[in-house]
Protein backbone atom coordinates (compact mmCIF):
# COMPACT_ATOMS: atom_id res chain seq x y z
CA MET A 1 -75.58 -62.63 17.55
CA ALA A 2 -75.04 -61.71 21.05
CA LEU A 3 -72.57 -59.31 22.00
CA GLN A 4 -69.58 -59.93 24.20
CA PRO A 5 -69.96 -58.14 27.54
CA ALA A 6 -67.04 -55.44 27.94
CA LEU A 7 -64.22 -56.64 29.99
CA PRO A 8 -64.09 -54.68 33.45
CA TRP A 9 -60.55 -52.77 32.77
CA VAL A 10 -59.61 -50.75 35.89
CA TYR A 11 -56.67 -49.11 33.95
CA ASP A 12 -55.92 -48.06 30.37
CA VAL A 13 -52.28 -48.88 30.62
CA VAL A 14 -49.84 -50.88 32.81
CA LEU A 15 -46.12 -50.39 32.53
CA SER A 16 -43.52 -53.10 32.68
CA PHE A 17 -39.98 -52.09 33.22
CA ARG A 18 -36.96 -52.67 35.16
CA GLY A 19 -36.82 -49.88 37.83
CA GLU A 20 -33.00 -49.70 38.38
CA ASP A 21 -32.64 -48.98 34.72
CA VAL A 22 -35.17 -46.56 33.67
CA GLN A 23 -37.16 -45.52 36.93
CA GLN A 24 -35.51 -41.89 37.53
CA ASN A 25 -35.83 -40.79 34.02
CA PHE A 26 -37.37 -42.26 30.93
CA ILE A 27 -40.35 -44.09 32.98
CA SER A 28 -41.39 -41.01 35.10
CA HIS A 29 -41.62 -38.83 31.76
CA LEU A 30 -43.69 -41.56 29.95
CA TYR A 31 -46.04 -42.05 32.91
CA ASP A 32 -46.57 -38.04 33.27
CA ALA A 33 -47.12 -37.89 29.39
CA LEU A 34 -49.86 -40.80 29.65
CA ARG A 35 -51.58 -39.01 32.46
CA LYS A 36 -51.81 -35.83 30.94
CA LYS A 37 -53.29 -37.24 27.90
CA GLY A 38 -56.16 -38.40 30.15
CA ILE A 39 -54.96 -42.33 29.90
CA ASN A 40 -55.47 -44.05 33.18
CA THR A 41 -51.98 -45.47 33.84
CA TYR A 42 -50.72 -48.10 36.44
CA ILE A 43 -47.03 -47.80 37.57
CA ASP A 44 -45.38 -50.15 40.27
CA GLU A 45 -43.80 -47.61 42.43
CA HIS A 46 -41.88 -50.07 44.74
CA LEU A 47 -38.22 -49.60 44.08
CA GLU A 48 -37.03 -51.92 46.41
CA ARG A 49 -38.49 -55.10 45.25
CA GLY A 50 -38.80 -58.31 46.98
CA LYS A 51 -37.97 -61.96 45.88
CA GLU A 52 -41.61 -62.55 44.81
CA ILE A 53 -43.78 -60.31 42.36
CA SER A 54 -46.37 -58.40 44.33
CA LEU A 55 -49.95 -59.49 44.00
CA THR A 56 -51.04 -55.79 43.54
CA LEU A 57 -48.86 -55.52 40.53
CA LEU A 58 -50.16 -58.98 39.06
CA LYS A 59 -53.97 -57.78 39.70
CA ALA A 60 -52.91 -54.58 37.83
CA ILE A 61 -51.63 -56.41 34.85
CA GLU A 62 -55.00 -58.48 34.84
CA GLU A 63 -57.09 -55.11 34.93
CA SER A 64 -55.34 -53.36 32.33
CA ARG A 65 -56.61 -53.04 28.56
CA ILE A 66 -52.88 -52.33 27.26
CA SER A 67 -49.43 -53.65 28.65
CA ILE A 68 -46.43 -51.53 27.57
CA ILE A 69 -42.99 -53.20 28.10
CA VAL A 70 -40.41 -50.51 28.49
CA LEU A 71 -36.89 -52.08 26.94
CA SER A 72 -33.79 -51.41 28.98
CA LYS A 73 -30.49 -53.21 29.09
CA ASN A 74 -31.21 -55.52 31.86
CA TYR A 75 -34.95 -56.03 31.64
CA ALA A 76 -34.45 -59.71 30.39
CA SER A 77 -31.98 -60.44 33.22
CA SER A 78 -34.67 -59.84 36.18
CA THR A 79 -36.37 -62.62 37.29
CA TRP A 80 -39.33 -60.16 38.56
CA CYS A 81 -39.45 -58.88 34.89
CA LEU A 82 -39.91 -62.24 33.37
CA GLU A 83 -42.62 -63.16 35.95
CA GLU A 84 -44.46 -59.81 34.89
CA LEU A 85 -43.94 -60.68 31.17
CA MET A 86 -45.20 -64.36 31.71
CA LYS A 87 -48.54 -62.68 33.30
CA ILE A 88 -48.71 -60.06 30.28
CA LEU A 89 -48.64 -63.19 27.96
CA GLU A 90 -51.34 -65.08 29.95
CA CYS A 91 -53.36 -62.00 29.82
CA ARG A 92 -52.96 -61.26 26.16
CA GLU A 93 -54.14 -65.13 25.39
CA MET A 94 -57.00 -65.00 27.96
CA LYS A 95 -58.25 -61.50 27.82
CA GLN A 96 -56.97 -60.42 24.48
CA GLN A 97 -54.99 -57.73 26.14
CA ILE A 98 -52.88 -55.64 23.57
CA VAL A 99 -49.16 -55.62 24.17
CA ILE A 100 -46.70 -53.25 22.99
CA PRO A 101 -44.24 -54.09 21.69
CA GLY A 102 -44.68 -57.79 20.27
CA SER A 103 -46.39 -61.18 22.01
CA LEU A 104 -46.89 -64.40 20.87
CA ASP A 105 -49.50 -67.16 20.24
CA GLY A 106 -49.45 -70.46 21.97
CA GLY A 107 -49.17 -72.20 25.38
CA ILE A 108 -47.41 -70.13 28.43
CA GLY A 109 -44.53 -72.33 28.31
CA LYS A 110 -40.75 -72.09 28.08
CA LYS A 111 -40.71 -71.68 24.40
CA THR A 112 -43.38 -69.07 24.22
CA ILE A 113 -41.42 -67.00 27.07
CA ALA A 114 -38.09 -67.20 25.02
CA LYS A 115 -39.60 -66.11 21.96
CA ALA A 116 -41.31 -63.31 23.41
CA ILE A 117 -38.11 -61.90 25.09
CA TYR A 118 -36.49 -62.58 21.69
CA ASN A 119 -38.91 -60.45 19.78
CA ILE A 120 -38.50 -57.51 22.63
CA ILE A 121 -34.95 -57.38 22.91
CA SER A 122 -33.24 -58.59 19.79
CA SER A 123 -33.34 -55.34 17.96
CA LYS A 124 -30.75 -54.01 20.70
CA TYR A 125 -27.96 -56.48 19.39
CA GLU A 126 -25.56 -56.58 16.47
CA GLY A 127 -26.67 -59.91 15.58
CA SER A 128 -29.53 -62.32 17.03
CA CYS A 129 -30.58 -65.95 16.49
CA PHE A 130 -33.33 -68.24 17.99
CA LEU A 131 -32.03 -71.81 17.52
CA LYS A 132 -35.35 -73.69 18.16
CA ASN A 133 -35.71 -77.62 18.67
CA ILE A 134 -32.18 -78.37 19.06
CA ARG A 135 -32.87 -81.69 20.86
CA GLU A 136 -34.79 -82.87 17.85
CA THR A 137 -32.44 -81.39 15.45
CA SER A 138 -29.28 -82.72 16.88
CA GLN A 139 -30.16 -86.13 16.49
CA SER A 140 -29.63 -86.43 12.74
CA GLU A 141 -26.30 -87.13 11.52
CA TYR A 142 -25.47 -83.52 10.59
CA GLY A 143 -27.82 -81.93 13.09
CA LEU A 144 -25.20 -79.54 15.05
CA VAL A 145 -23.47 -78.79 12.04
CA GLN A 146 -26.79 -77.53 10.58
CA LEU A 147 -27.44 -75.73 13.85
CA GLN A 148 -23.89 -74.18 13.85
CA GLU A 149 -24.53 -72.91 10.19
CA THR A 150 -27.94 -71.72 10.96
CA LEU A 151 -26.34 -69.36 13.76
CA LEU A 152 -23.73 -68.05 11.75
CA SER A 153 -26.21 -67.30 8.71
CA ASN A 154 -28.80 -65.50 11.10
CA ILE A 155 -26.21 -63.11 12.73
CA LEU A 156 -23.55 -62.65 9.81
CA GLY A 157 -25.89 -63.27 6.84
CA ALA A 158 -26.04 -66.19 4.57
CA SER A 159 -23.27 -64.97 2.28
CA SER A 160 -20.86 -65.00 4.90
CA VAL A 161 -21.24 -68.92 6.05
CA CYS A 162 -18.98 -71.39 4.80
CA ASN A 163 -19.51 -75.02 4.31
CA ILE A 164 -18.35 -76.25 7.91
CA GLY A 165 -18.82 -79.73 7.48
CA HIS A 166 -17.92 -80.77 10.98
CA VAL A 167 -18.68 -79.77 14.48
CA ASP A 168 -15.04 -79.07 15.70
CA ARG A 169 -14.47 -76.81 12.65
CA GLY A 170 -17.76 -75.28 13.45
CA ILE A 171 -16.48 -74.40 16.94
CA ASN A 172 -13.44 -72.49 15.48
CA VAL A 173 -15.45 -70.76 12.99
CA LEU A 174 -18.02 -69.51 15.48
CA LYS A 175 -15.33 -68.48 17.94
CA ASN A 176 -13.49 -66.49 15.26
CA LYS A 177 -16.39 -64.96 13.54
CA LEU A 178 -18.37 -63.74 16.50
CA CYS A 179 -15.76 -62.93 19.07
CA TYR A 180 -16.31 -59.12 18.59
CA LYS A 181 -20.00 -59.25 18.06
CA ARG A 182 -22.60 -58.28 20.89
CA VAL A 183 -25.23 -60.93 20.18
CA LEU A 184 -28.53 -62.25 21.46
CA LEU A 185 -28.56 -66.06 21.27
CA ILE A 186 -31.67 -68.31 22.28
CA LEU A 187 -30.98 -72.01 22.44
CA ASP A 188 -34.15 -73.80 22.74
CA ASP A 189 -34.84 -77.39 23.96
CA VAL A 190 -31.12 -78.22 24.95
CA ASP A 191 -30.92 -81.70 26.53
CA ASP A 192 -27.20 -82.65 26.30
CA TRP A 193 -23.81 -81.05 27.06
CA GLU A 194 -22.29 -81.58 23.79
CA GLN A 195 -25.11 -79.36 22.34
CA LEU A 196 -24.21 -76.39 24.38
CA LYS A 197 -20.54 -77.05 23.68
CA ALA A 198 -21.08 -77.13 20.07
CA LEU A 199 -23.22 -73.82 19.85
CA ALA A 200 -21.83 -71.74 22.83
CA GLY A 201 -19.12 -73.53 24.50
CA ASN A 202 -17.45 -70.40 26.28
CA ARG A 203 -17.94 -66.97 27.21
CA ASP A 204 -15.11 -65.74 25.07
CA TRP A 205 -16.78 -66.90 21.86
CA PHE A 206 -18.92 -63.53 21.75
CA GLY A 207 -18.18 -60.09 22.05
CA SER A 208 -18.91 -57.70 25.17
CA GLY A 209 -22.49 -57.23 26.20
CA TYR A 210 -23.91 -60.66 24.68
CA ARG A 211 -26.78 -62.54 26.04
CA ILE A 212 -27.56 -66.18 26.00
CA ILE A 213 -30.89 -67.57 26.87
CA ILE A 214 -31.54 -71.47 27.11
CA THR A 215 -34.33 -73.41 27.66
CA THR A 216 -34.15 -77.12 28.86
CA ARG A 217 -35.73 -79.83 30.98
CA ASP A 218 -32.55 -80.64 32.41
CA LYS A 219 -31.65 -77.87 35.59
CA ASN A 220 -28.37 -80.00 35.73
CA LEU A 221 -27.16 -78.50 32.21
CA LEU A 222 -27.60 -75.10 33.50
CA SER A 223 -25.56 -75.45 36.62
CA ASN A 224 -22.75 -77.16 34.75
CA TYR A 225 -22.92 -74.36 32.16
CA GLU A 226 -22.65 -71.66 34.99
CA VAL A 227 -25.48 -69.68 34.11
CA ASP A 228 -25.89 -66.08 35.87
CA ALA A 229 -29.57 -66.91 36.58
CA THR A 230 -32.36 -69.27 36.35
CA TYR A 231 -36.19 -69.22 35.89
CA GLU A 232 -38.43 -71.97 36.17
CA VAL A 233 -41.68 -72.25 34.25
CA GLU A 234 -44.65 -73.83 36.50
CA GLU A 235 -47.37 -75.84 34.96
CA LEU A 236 -50.66 -74.11 34.70
CA ASN A 237 -52.86 -74.37 37.93
CA HIS A 238 -56.42 -75.73 37.56
CA TYR A 239 -58.13 -72.41 37.09
CA GLU A 240 -55.40 -71.22 34.60
CA ALA A 241 -55.93 -74.24 32.50
CA LEU A 242 -59.56 -73.83 32.56
CA GLU A 243 -59.50 -70.46 31.17
CA LEU A 244 -57.04 -71.28 28.69
CA PHE A 245 -58.85 -74.23 27.29
CA SER A 246 -62.18 -72.34 27.44
CA LEU A 247 -61.00 -69.52 25.14
CA CYS A 248 -59.66 -71.94 22.73
CA ALA A 249 -62.70 -74.40 22.62
CA PHE A 250 -65.51 -71.59 23.65
CA LYS A 251 -64.07 -68.26 22.75
CA ARG A 252 -64.94 -67.34 26.52
CA LYS A 253 -62.97 -67.75 29.88
CA LYS A 254 -65.50 -70.34 31.00
CA PRO A 255 -66.89 -73.39 29.34
CA LEU A 256 -70.48 -73.54 28.27
CA ASP A 257 -72.96 -74.77 30.75
CA ASN A 258 -73.65 -78.19 29.54
CA TYR A 259 -69.87 -78.74 28.68
CA VAL A 260 -68.54 -78.02 32.56
CA GLU A 261 -68.28 -81.39 33.63
CA LEU A 262 -66.46 -82.47 30.46
CA THR A 263 -64.02 -79.58 30.51
CA GLN A 264 -62.98 -80.37 33.94
CA ARG A 265 -62.26 -83.89 32.96
CA ILE A 266 -60.05 -82.49 29.95
CA ILE A 267 -58.30 -80.34 32.23
CA ARG A 268 -57.58 -83.07 34.70
CA TYR A 269 -56.36 -85.44 31.84
CA ALA A 270 -54.00 -82.72 30.54
CA GLY A 271 -52.35 -82.27 33.70
CA GLY A 272 -51.58 -78.49 33.36
CA LEU A 273 -49.44 -78.86 29.96
CA PRO A 274 -50.33 -76.02 27.67
CA LEU A 275 -49.29 -78.28 24.78
CA ALA A 276 -51.77 -81.09 25.76
CA LEU A 277 -54.59 -78.70 26.28
CA GLU A 278 -53.86 -77.38 22.70
CA VAL A 279 -53.78 -80.91 21.17
CA LEU A 280 -57.04 -81.67 22.77
CA ASP A 281 -58.61 -78.52 21.72
CA LEU A 282 -57.74 -79.36 18.04
CA ASP A 283 -59.00 -82.83 18.51
CA LEU A 284 -62.50 -81.72 19.89
CA HIS A 285 -62.99 -78.44 18.43
CA GLY A 286 -66.55 -78.15 16.61
CA LYS A 287 -67.64 -81.51 17.95
CA SER A 288 -70.76 -82.21 19.63
CA ILE A 289 -71.15 -83.13 23.31
CA HIS A 290 -71.76 -86.70 22.77
CA GLU A 291 -68.53 -86.95 20.59
CA TRP A 292 -66.74 -85.13 23.58
CA GLU A 293 -68.01 -88.00 25.73
CA SER A 294 -67.00 -90.80 23.44
CA ALA A 295 -63.53 -89.27 23.02
CA MET A 296 -62.80 -88.92 26.82
CA GLU A 297 -63.97 -92.63 27.11
CA GLU A 298 -61.37 -93.50 24.37
CA TYR A 299 -58.69 -91.37 26.17
CA LYS A 300 -59.27 -93.60 29.26
CA ARG A 301 -58.94 -96.68 27.23
CA ILE A 302 -56.09 -95.73 24.86
CA PRO A 303 -54.10 -92.67 25.88
CA HIS A 304 -53.96 -89.75 23.23
CA GLU A 305 -51.13 -90.56 21.04
CA LYS A 306 -50.01 -87.06 20.65
CA ILE A 307 -49.98 -86.24 24.14
CA GLN A 308 -47.82 -89.45 24.92
CA GLN A 309 -45.55 -88.03 22.32
CA ILE A 310 -45.25 -84.91 24.42
CA LEU A 311 -44.72 -86.80 27.84
CA ARG A 312 -42.39 -89.44 25.95
CA THR A 313 -40.07 -86.46 25.12
CA SER A 314 -39.49 -85.74 28.88
CA TYR A 315 -39.12 -89.51 29.90
CA ASP A 316 -36.53 -90.03 26.89
CA GLY A 317 -34.62 -87.28 28.33
CA LEU A 318 -34.04 -88.95 31.37
CA ARG A 319 -30.92 -90.92 32.40
CA GLU A 320 -31.33 -95.03 32.53
CA SER A 321 -31.15 -94.76 36.49
CA GLU A 322 -33.82 -92.09 36.68
CA LYS A 323 -36.21 -93.95 34.12
CA LYS A 324 -36.29 -96.98 36.44
CA ILE A 325 -37.07 -94.80 39.31
CA PHE A 326 -39.73 -92.81 37.47
CA LEU A 327 -41.27 -96.38 36.55
CA ASP A 328 -41.01 -97.86 39.94
CA ILE A 329 -42.72 -94.84 41.45
CA ALA A 330 -45.36 -94.68 38.62
CA CYS A 331 -46.18 -98.35 39.34
CA PHE A 332 -45.83 -99.15 42.72
CA PHE A 333 -45.36 -95.87 44.98
CA LYS A 334 -47.56 -93.36 43.74
CA GLY A 335 -48.83 -91.18 46.73
CA GLU A 336 -46.46 -92.84 49.15
CA ASN A 337 -44.13 -90.86 51.66
CA VAL A 338 -41.28 -89.78 49.70
CA ASP A 339 -38.57 -91.00 52.50
CA TYR A 340 -40.29 -94.33 52.68
CA VAL A 341 -39.96 -94.48 48.67
CA VAL A 342 -36.43 -93.44 49.03
CA LYS A 343 -35.60 -95.86 51.46
CA ILE A 344 -37.07 -98.80 49.30
CA LEU A 345 -35.45 -97.61 46.18
CA ASP A 346 -31.85 -97.16 47.79
CA SER A 347 -32.11 -100.92 48.93
CA CYS A 348 -32.60 -101.72 45.57
CA GLY A 349 -29.25 -100.09 44.42
CA LEU A 350 -31.19 -97.18 42.44
CA ASN A 351 -29.39 -94.16 44.24
CA PRO A 352 -32.58 -92.11 44.57
CA ASN A 353 -31.21 -89.12 46.37
CA ILE A 354 -29.67 -88.26 42.91
CA GLY A 355 -32.76 -88.78 40.99
CA ILE A 356 -35.57 -87.82 43.45
CA LYS A 357 -36.05 -83.92 44.16
CA LYS A 358 -37.28 -83.27 47.71
CA THR A 359 -39.29 -80.20 48.61
CA ASP A 360 -40.08 -78.65 51.73
CA GLY A 361 -43.27 -79.11 53.44
């Protein structure tokens, strides 16, 4: 069995921290202590940080054997820190980097980042709760009531939870029981205002210093909820998707030589979605190259059922007018100039200026 070549680590440790909180005291002592022990440590010394994370810092994270995340009061509220965290999770997945404290398995998506933040900072609060799959759970008859009871149980303990029975009663119980608690609440996969209203309707429901983190496909929900900050998770680019799939399928950063072309086709088929790559890896893992070729031909004829379910979730979350716009573009206007498409759809009474997001350039 051939040994894996050693990874080209430049630093032993990279420190991730929010400079405004810890730069002048704790972080400098930690940095000095590590250096005195002969541990080659990278620290970002730019106190005045710009709007975008520096390429130097991203490169340092990639080239470090260990990432140490220094917790502070406002770490998770910093967009810069969240970008650092996403990069650290990516390196843990792709380069087997050691992360202290915590990280999680899975794709580099909204849920993964939210879980990582939860694991890192939940111990700093009087109570904490990660409510996952809210969209799916709330579709059942008593789904919102179940979520309210789970929230109370996680924060107060099972013995403190009464039988709520109805959403409106649950709202009153949440307000009365949690108004003096400094809590951390993660609301995962929210797709409707009623869910927010039932689980975290107003800021006065919770005690001073609380924090709520919401993952959603619908940006409008966040603006209506008047959130303090937003962070958009982008799809994996081709290179990132190639590395992620290769590590899962081949336990290395690049595909085996005779699988290169097939792997490229798989990456294009998955479209940068980590969950889709995971589905395809599970479907193809351990199979021969001929089986891969047959599977890809089958995917061209009949789309993969589980990937269709992933995409269907996003489609189902659209308003009816947005569904019509999406289908018209997919069937008739793919690759056309956006202004031309908007003009045509507007003449059909579909109000495309609401449903289509324009970007500069």
